[in-house]
């Protein structure tokens, strides 16, 4: 698959430890994101069973212990993804309705909330899938760069593009064979859809498929799956995470996009191995210069976006699976969520990229 492949670098000791803030909550956290003023919205819970763990939406500031909470009714499921609007005090998340509503095909899982200084208020909701399977849920929730579009991906393969703020359909929903991740390009002309066996580029004008990048094979023989996808701005890059079926090493692929009039098809790809285990979460910094990943070995890594060279690795970042990663709009923080009921906020050094590769506990 690759034009160029590299192996993970040896991580030497990191001389200047990076400051981390830990926020302990009372539920497993499955999604988090930053608001435009660097507040954090986190979502999760114990599900619809009788676990005794409530499903919740919470918001907090990095340097403030004050929590804003919106308890989710017991009959509804816990949210598994969340996205904050890039300019407005709004966020969207997926909360399944009661089981009987889902079985009628009337689940309105996509919820839009307004976040105040001390309140969370529901504003609107819409359907993201008509599945009647109560096990399906809204796996991906993402705003476009301007906030014009809200895109959702369901575990039944349904992809929905909604127009803000009224949550009307941009075009009829699409269905793919397993949705791993979604992202809208900076110009808001295309949507990248990562499925296990293909990376699919969709036009936001009408939902037409523009390009399909087939199932990756490293060295033409190692079977892999796409795990995540993100656009990088302003560098006009498309990134994807690829994990081998063997669960050894995690790879990042990058494509250079063409000029605005003809961005696709893309052909040349650069591929680099950045860690020794599979990657579970991935994001790109607002400036497009840093990539962050979380791995099954519970580490978090930072990678130079241009060279795909690992910059730093944080070992044992969480006690259980790392479920979500997000850079703050200011680029000052990188936050992670975990099933260990913790949110970790790392304060990124100003000259991070100039540091030698290193490991830090």
Protein backbone atom coordinates (compact mmCIF):
# COMPACT_ATOMS: atom_id res chain seq x y z
CA UNK A 1 0.00 0.00 0.00
CA UNK A 2 2.69 2.43 0.99
CA UNK A 3 4.88 4.76 -0.97
CA UNK A 4 7.10 4.87 2.09
CA UNK A 5 7.04 2.91 5.33
CA UNK A 6 8.97 3.51 8.52
CA UNK A 7 9.19 1.68 11.81
CA UNK A 8 8.52 3.13 15.25
CA UNK A 9 11.46 5.07 16.64
CA UNK A 10 13.15 4.16 19.89
CA UNK A 11 11.65 6.31 22.63
CA UNK A 12 14.33 7.77 24.87
CA UNK A 13 13.67 9.41 28.24
CA UNK A 14 11.72 12.65 28.05
CA UNK A 15 13.69 15.21 30.04
CA UNK A 16 10.93 17.72 30.77
CA UNK A 17 7.73 15.96 31.95
CA UNK A 18 4.54 17.21 30.37
CA UNK A 19 1.95 18.51 32.81
CA UNK A 20 -1.30 16.55 32.95
CA UNK A 21 -4.54 17.33 34.76
CA UNK A 22 -6.81 14.44 35.76
CA UNK A 23 -10.57 14.86 36.07
CA UNK A 24 -12.21 11.93 37.86
CA UNK A 25 -15.91 11.38 37.21
CA UNK A 26 -18.44 8.76 38.34
CA UNK A 27 -19.06 7.03 35.00
CA UNK A 28 -17.08 5.45 32.14
CA UNK A 29 -16.36 8.20 29.59
CA UNK A 30 -16.90 7.23 25.95
CA UNK A 31 -16.61 10.59 24.22
CA UNK A 32 -15.29 14.08 24.85
CA UNK A 33 -14.66 17.28 22.93
CA UNK A 34 -13.63 20.89 23.49
CA UNK A 35 -15.89 23.90 23.08
CA UNK A 36 -14.65 27.00 21.26
CA UNK A 37 -13.48 28.48 24.60
CA UNK A 38 -11.61 25.35 25.76
CA UNK A 39 -14.30 23.90 28.02
CA UNK A 40 -14.71 20.13 27.86
CA UNK A 41 -17.92 18.21 27.28
CA UNK A 42 -17.74 14.52 28.26
CA UNK A 43 -20.39 11.82 27.82
CA UNK A 44 -20.89 8.21 28.88
CA UNK A 45 -22.39 6.00 31.56
CA UNK A 46 -23.37 2.46 32.40
CA UNK A 47 -25.91 1.88 29.62
CA UNK A 48 -29.54 0.83 29.90
CA UNK A 49 -28.92 -2.13 32.21
CA UNK A 50 -29.08 -2.22 35.98
CA UNK A 51 -25.40 -1.45 36.49
CA UNK A 52 -26.14 1.34 38.98
CA UNK A 53 -23.97 3.72 36.94
CA UNK A 54 -25.94 6.68 35.60
CA UNK A 55 -25.70 7.91 32.03
CA UNK A 56 -24.60 11.55 31.92
CA UNK A 57 -23.53 14.60 29.98
CA UNK A 58 -21.08 16.84 31.82
CA UNK A 59 -19.14 20.01 31.06
CA UNK A 60 -16.21 21.54 32.92
CA UNK A 61 -13.34 23.97 32.48
CA UNK A 62 -9.76 22.75 32.48
CA UNK A 63 -8.73 24.73 35.55
CA UNK A 64 -12.05 24.69 37.41
CA UNK A 65 -13.62 21.92 39.50
CA UNK A 66 -17.18 23.12 38.80
CA UNK A 67 -19.25 20.56 36.90
CA UNK A 68 -22.31 21.25 34.79
CA UNK A 69 -24.40 18.06 34.53
CA UNK A 70 -27.39 16.87 32.54
CA UNK A 71 -28.60 13.46 33.77
CA UNK A 72 -29.96 11.19 31.07
CA UNK A 73 -33.29 9.46 31.85
CA UNK A 74 -32.84 5.86 33.01
CA UNK A 75 -34.78 4.41 30.07
CA UNK A 76 -32.37 5.91 27.53
CA UNK A 77 -28.96 4.53 26.58
CA UNK A 78 -25.59 6.10 27.35
CA UNK A 79 -24.04 8.34 24.68
CA UNK A 80 -20.98 6.98 22.90
CA UNK A 81 -19.87 10.06 20.92
CA UNK A 82 -20.01 13.85 21.20
CA UNK A 83 -19.00 16.90 19.16
CA UNK A 84 -18.89 20.58 20.07
CA UNK A 85 -19.86 23.29 17.60
CA UNK A 86 -16.76 25.21 16.41
CA UNK A 87 -18.15 28.72 17.09
CA UNK A 88 -21.40 28.46 19.06
CA UNK A 89 -22.12 27.20 22.62
CA UNK A 90 -23.70 24.04 21.23
CA UNK A 91 -22.84 20.36 21.26
CA UNK A 92 -24.32 17.23 19.70
CA UNK A 93 -24.35 13.69 20.98
CA UNK A 94 -26.06 10.37 20.34
CA UNK A 95 -28.59 9.12 22.93
CA UNK A 96 -30.81 6.20 21.98
CA UNK A 97 -34.50 6.40 22.83
CA UNK A 98 -36.35 3.77 24.84
CA UNK A 99 -36.33 0.20 23.48
CA UNK A 100 -39.96 0.26 22.31
CA UNK A 101 -39.32 3.46 20.32
CA UNK A 102 -36.27 1.91 18.64
CA UNK A 103 -38.25 -1.24 17.77
CA UNK A 104 -40.77 0.96 15.94
CA UNK A 105 -37.94 2.47 13.88
CA UNK A 106 -38.56 5.91 15.40
CA UNK A 107 -35.31 6.44 17.33
CA UNK A 108 -34.29 10.11 17.41
CA UNK A 109 -30.76 9.60 18.68
CA UNK A 110 -29.05 12.76 17.46
CA UNK A 111 -29.47 15.39 20.19
CA UNK A 112 -28.42 19.05 20.05
CA UNK A 113 -27.77 20.88 23.32
CA UNK A 114 -26.95 24.45 24.32
CA UNK A 115 -24.20 24.84 26.90
CA UNK A 116 -24.47 27.78 29.29
CA UNK A 117 -22.12 28.84 32.05
CA UNK A 118 -24.03 26.67 34.54
CA UNK A 119 -26.68 24.87 32.47
CA UNK A 120 -27.13 22.30 29.71
CA UNK A 121 -30.36 22.74 27.75
CA UNK A 122 -31.77 20.41 25.07
CA UNK A 123 -32.51 22.27 21.81
CA UNK A 124 -33.37 19.81 19.07
CA UNK A 125 -33.13 16.17 18.03
CA UNK A 126 -33.27 14.14 14.83
CA UNK A 127 -33.10 10.59 13.56
CA UNK A 128 -29.67 9.23 12.62
CA UNK A 129 -30.91 5.72 11.78
CA UNK A 130 -34.14 3.78 11.46
CA UNK A 131 -32.61 0.55 12.75
CA UNK A 132 -34.88 -1.51 15.00
CA UNK A 133 -31.95 -3.20 16.71
CA UNK A 134 -31.58 -1.85 20.25
CA UNK A 135 -27.88 -2.77 20.22
CA UNK A 136 -27.08 -0.23 17.47
CA UNK A 137 -25.94 3.26 18.48
CA UNK A 138 -24.55 6.54 17.17
CA UNK A 139 -20.85 5.72 16.98
CA UNK A 140 -19.61 8.95 15.35
CA UNK A 141 -20.75 12.56 15.79
CA UNK A 142 -18.86 15.34 14.00
CA UNK A 143 -19.36 18.99 13.03
CA UNK A 144 -17.83 20.47 9.91
CA UNK A 145 -15.23 23.22 10.31
CA UNK A 146 -17.72 26.10 10.12
CA UNK A 147 -20.50 24.20 11.90
CA UNK A 148 -22.69 24.26 8.80
CA UNK A 149 -23.00 20.46 8.78
CA UNK A 150 -23.44 17.84 11.49
CA UNK A 151 -22.55 14.30 10.39
CA UNK A 152 -23.34 11.07 12.21
CA UNK A 153 -22.33 7.45 11.75
CA UNK A 154 -24.38 4.59 13.19
CA UNK A 155 -23.21 1.06 13.95
CA UNK A 156 -25.70 -0.27 11.40
CA UNK A 157 -23.68 1.52 8.69
CA UNK A 158 -26.01 4.51 8.27
CA UNK A 159 -24.32 7.87 7.59
CA UNK A 160 -26.42 11.01 7.92
CA UNK A 161 -25.48 14.58 6.96
CA UNK A 162 -27.62 17.20 8.70
CA UNK A 163 -27.79 20.93 8.08
CA UNK A 164 -27.50 23.22 11.05
CA UNK A 165 -29.30 24.55 13.01
CA UNK A 166 -32.60 22.85 12.17
CA UNK A 167 -31.09 19.35 11.64
CA UNK A 168 -32.66 18.82 8.23
CA UNK A 169 -31.15 16.28 5.83
CA UNK A 170 -28.59 17.59 3.33
CA UNK A 171 -29.39 14.54 1.17
CA UNK A 172 -30.87 11.08 1.83
CA UNK A 173 -28.89 8.99 4.34
CA UNK A 174 -26.19 6.68 2.99
CA UNK A 175 -25.38 3.17 4.13
CA UNK A 176 -21.98 1.50 4.24
CA UNK A 177 -20.63 -1.80 5.49
CA UNK A 178 -19.47 -0.71 8.94
CA UNK A 179 -18.69 2.91 9.82
CA UNK A 180 -15.49 3.45 11.78
CA UNK A 181 -15.08 7.23 11.45
CA UNK A 182 -16.17 10.33 9.53
CA UNK A 183 -14.71 13.75 8.79
CA UNK A 184 -15.61 16.76 6.63
CA UNK A 185 -12.88 18.45 4.59
CA UNK A 186 -11.93 22.08 5.47
CA UNK A 187 -13.77 23.48 2.44
CA UNK A 188 -16.89 21.50 3.40
CA UNK A 189 -17.16 19.97 -0.05
CA UNK A 190 -16.42 16.33 0.79
CA UNK A 191 -17.02 13.78 3.53
CA UNK A 192 -14.49 11.03 4.26
CA UNK A 193 -16.05 7.78 5.50
CA UNK A 194 -13.75 5.17 7.04
CA UNK A 195 -15.05 1.61 6.94
CA UNK A 196 -12.91 -1.43 7.81
CA UNK A 197 -12.30 -2.30 4.15
CA UNK A 198 -12.41 1.07 2.39
CA UNK A 199 -11.96 4.82 2.76
CA UNK A 200 -14.82 6.42 0.83
CA UNK A 201 -14.96 10.05 -0.32
CA UNK A 202 -18.49 11.45 -0.66
CA UNK A 203 -19.58 14.75 -2.23
CA UNK A 204 -21.49 16.95 0.21
CA UNK A 205 -23.38 18.48 -2.71
CA UNK A 206 -25.49 15.40 -3.40
CA UNK A 207 -24.04 12.41 -1.53
CA UNK A 208 -22.40 10.94 -4.65
CA UNK A 209 -19.30 8.80 -4.13
CA UNK A 210 -16.22 10.53 -5.54
CA UNK A 211 -13.52 7.95 -4.77
CA UNK A 212 -13.08 4.64 -3.00
CA UNK A 213 -9.66 3.81 -1.53
CA UNK A 214 -9.67 0.05 -1.20
CA UNK A 215 -8.80 -2.15 1.73
CA UNK A 216 -5.20 -1.47 2.70
CA UNK A 217 -2.47 -4.07 2.46
CA UNK A 218 0.94 -3.24 3.86
CA UNK A 219 3.78 -4.71 1.79
CA UNK A 220 1.06 -6.14 -0.50
CA UNK A 221 0.45 -9.08 1.86
CA UNK A 222 -0.45 -7.88 5.37
CA UNK A 223 -4.23 -7.53 5.70
CA UNK A 224 -5.29 -4.33 7.48
CA UNK A 225 -8.35 -2.31 8.43
CA UNK A 226 -9.05 1.40 8.41
CA UNK A 227 -9.78 2.62 11.94
CA UNK A 228 -10.03 6.41 11.66
CA UNK A 229 -9.85 9.31 9.21
CA UNK A 230 -9.21 13.04 9.52
CA UNK A 231 -8.53 15.99 7.26
CA UNK A 232 -5.65 18.29 8.12
CA UNK A 233 -5.92 22.04 7.56
CA UNK A 234 -4.49 24.25 6.18
CA UNK A 235 -2.06 21.73 4.66
CA UNK A 236 -4.74 19.97 2.57
CA UNK A 237 -3.96 16.47 3.80
CA UNK A 238 -6.11 13.42 4.38
CA UNK A 239 -4.98 11.11 7.18
CA UNK A 240 -6.14 7.60 8.00
CA UNK A 241 -5.26 5.13 10.74
CA UNK A 242 -4.62 1.56 9.60
CA UNK A 243 -4.35 -1.44 11.94
CA UNK A 244 -3.08 -4.85 10.78
CA UNK A 245 -5.33 -7.82 11.56
CA UNK A 246 -2.44 -9.22 13.59
CA UNK A 247 -2.87 -6.29 16.04
CA UNK A 248 0.85 -5.56 15.78
CA UNK A 249 1.83 -1.94 15.18
CA UNK A 250 -0.42 0.97 14.30
CA UNK A 251 0.08 2.85 11.04
CA UNK A 252 -0.84 6.33 9.83
CA UNK A 253 -1.41 7.01 6.12
CA UNK A 254 -1.43 10.46 4.53
CA UNK A 255 -2.53 11.65 1.09
CA UNK A 256 -1.79 15.08 -0.42
CA UNK A 257 -4.97 16.62 -1.83
CA UNK A 258 -4.88 18.38 -5.18
CA UNK A 259 -5.86 21.94 -6.00
CA UNK A 260 -9.38 22.99 -5.10
CA UNK A 261 -10.91 22.41 -8.53
CA UNK A 262 -9.83 18.77 -8.71
CA UNK A 263 -8.89 17.29 -5.33
CA UNK A 264 -9.75 13.70 -6.23
CA UNK A 265 -8.80 11.04 -7.06
CA UNK A 266 -5.81 10.82 -4.74
CA UNK A 267 -3.23 8.13 -5.49
CA UNK A 268 0.13 8.63 -3.80
CA UNK A 269 0.17 7.66 -0.14
CA UNK A 270 2.83 7.87 2.55
CA UNK A 271 2.59 5.29 5.33
CA UNK A 272 4.46 5.13 8.63
CA UNK A 273 4.32 2.86 11.66
CA UNK A 274 3.98 5.05 14.76
CA UNK A 275 3.36 2.59 17.61
CA UNK A 276 3.73 -1.08 18.47
CA UNK A 277 0.04 -1.85 19.10
CA UNK A 278 -3.25 -1.10 17.36
CA UNK A 279 -4.59 2.46 17.41
CA UNK A 280 -8.04 3.04 18.92
CA UNK A 281 -8.46 6.84 18.76
CA UNK A 282 -6.97 9.54 16.53
CA UNK A 283 -7.17 13.31 16.01
CA UNK A 284 -5.37 16.18 14.25
CA UNK A 285 -4.42 19.49 15.89
CA UNK A 286 -6.22 22.67 14.76
CA UNK A 287 -3.03 23.96 13.11
CA UNK A 288 -2.58 20.64 11.32
CA UNK A 289 0.97 20.21 12.59
CA UNK A 290 0.43 17.46 15.17
CA UNK A 291 -1.31 14.09 15.14
CA UNK A 292 -2.39 12.31 18.31
CA UNK A 293 -3.27 8.67 18.76
CA UNK A 294 -4.30 6.33 21.58
CA UNK A 295 -3.26 2.69 21.51
CA UNK A 296 -4.50 -0.61 22.94
CA UNK A 297 -1.47 -0.61 25.25
CA UNK A 298 -3.09 2.43 27.00
CA UNK A 299 -0.48 4.86 25.69
CA UNK A 300 -1.03 8.20 23.95
CA UNK A 301 1.38 9.36 21.29
CA UNK A 302 2.12 12.56 19.42
CA UNK A 303 3.37 12.52 15.82
CA UNK A 304 4.75 15.25 13.57
CA UNK A 305 2.12 15.64 10.85
CA UNK A 306 4.59 16.45 8.08
CA UNK A 307 7.17 13.71 8.60
CA UNK A 308 4.93 11.17 10.44
CA UNK A 309 7.77 10.94 12.95
CA UNK A 310 6.80 10.10 16.55
CA UNK A 311 7.54 13.02 18.86
CA UNK A 312 6.49 11.72 22.24
CA UNK A 313 4.66 8.88 23.93
CA UNK A 314 2.78 8.95 27.23
CA UNK A 315 2.66 5.45 28.73
CA UNK A 316 -0.15 4.22 30.97
CA UNK A 317 -2.25 7.30 30.22
CA UNK A 318 -5.39 5.49 31.47
CA UNK A 319 -6.17 2.38 33.48
CA UNK A 320 -8.65 0.98 30.94
CA UNK A 321 -9.43 1.46 27.26
CA UNK A 322 -8.90 4.98 25.89
CA UNK A 323 -12.11 5.84 24.09
CA UNK A 324 -11.67 9.38 22.75
CA UNK A 325 -9.07 12.07 21.99
CA UNK A 326 -9.48 15.78 21.25
CA UNK A 327 -7.21 18.80 20.79
CA UNK A 328 -8.48 22.10 22.15
CA UNK A 329 -9.19 24.83 19.55
CA UNK A 330 -6.34 26.87 21.04
CA UNK A 331 -3.95 23.97 20.51
CA UNK A 332 -2.84 24.23 24.13
CA UNK A 333 -4.44 21.02 25.41
CA UNK A 334 -4.90 17.40 24.36
CA UNK A 335 -7.68 15.62 26.25
CA UNK A 336 -8.38 11.90 26.45
CA UNK A 337 -11.33 9.92 27.79
CA UNK A 338 -11.30 6.44 29.26
CA UNK A 339 -13.49 3.65 30.52
CA UNK A 340 -11.54 4.12 33.78
CA UNK A 341 -13.85 7.08 34.61
CA UNK A 342 -11.09 9.61 33.99
CA UNK A 343 -10.49 12.51 31.66
CA UNK A 344 -6.83 13.37 31.22
CA UNK A 345 -5.90 16.85 29.98
CA UNK A 346 -2.33 17.24 28.82
CA UNK A 347 -0.83 20.73 28.65
CA UNK A 348 1.21 20.73 25.44
CA UNK A 349 4.66 22.42 25.55
CA UNK A 350 5.01 25.46 23.29
CA UNK A 351 7.91 23.98 21.32
CA UNK A 352 6.74 20.41 21.26
CA UNK A 353 7.86 19.58 17.74
CA UNK A 354 11.42 20.77 18.40
CA UNK A 355 11.81 18.20 21.19
CA UNK A 356 13.56 14.93 20.54
CA UNK A 357 11.45 11.77 20.60
CA UNK A 358 10.77 10.68 24.12
CA UNK A 359 8.71 8.68 26.57
CA UNK A 360 7.01 10.09 29.63
CA UNK A 361 4.90 8.43 32.31
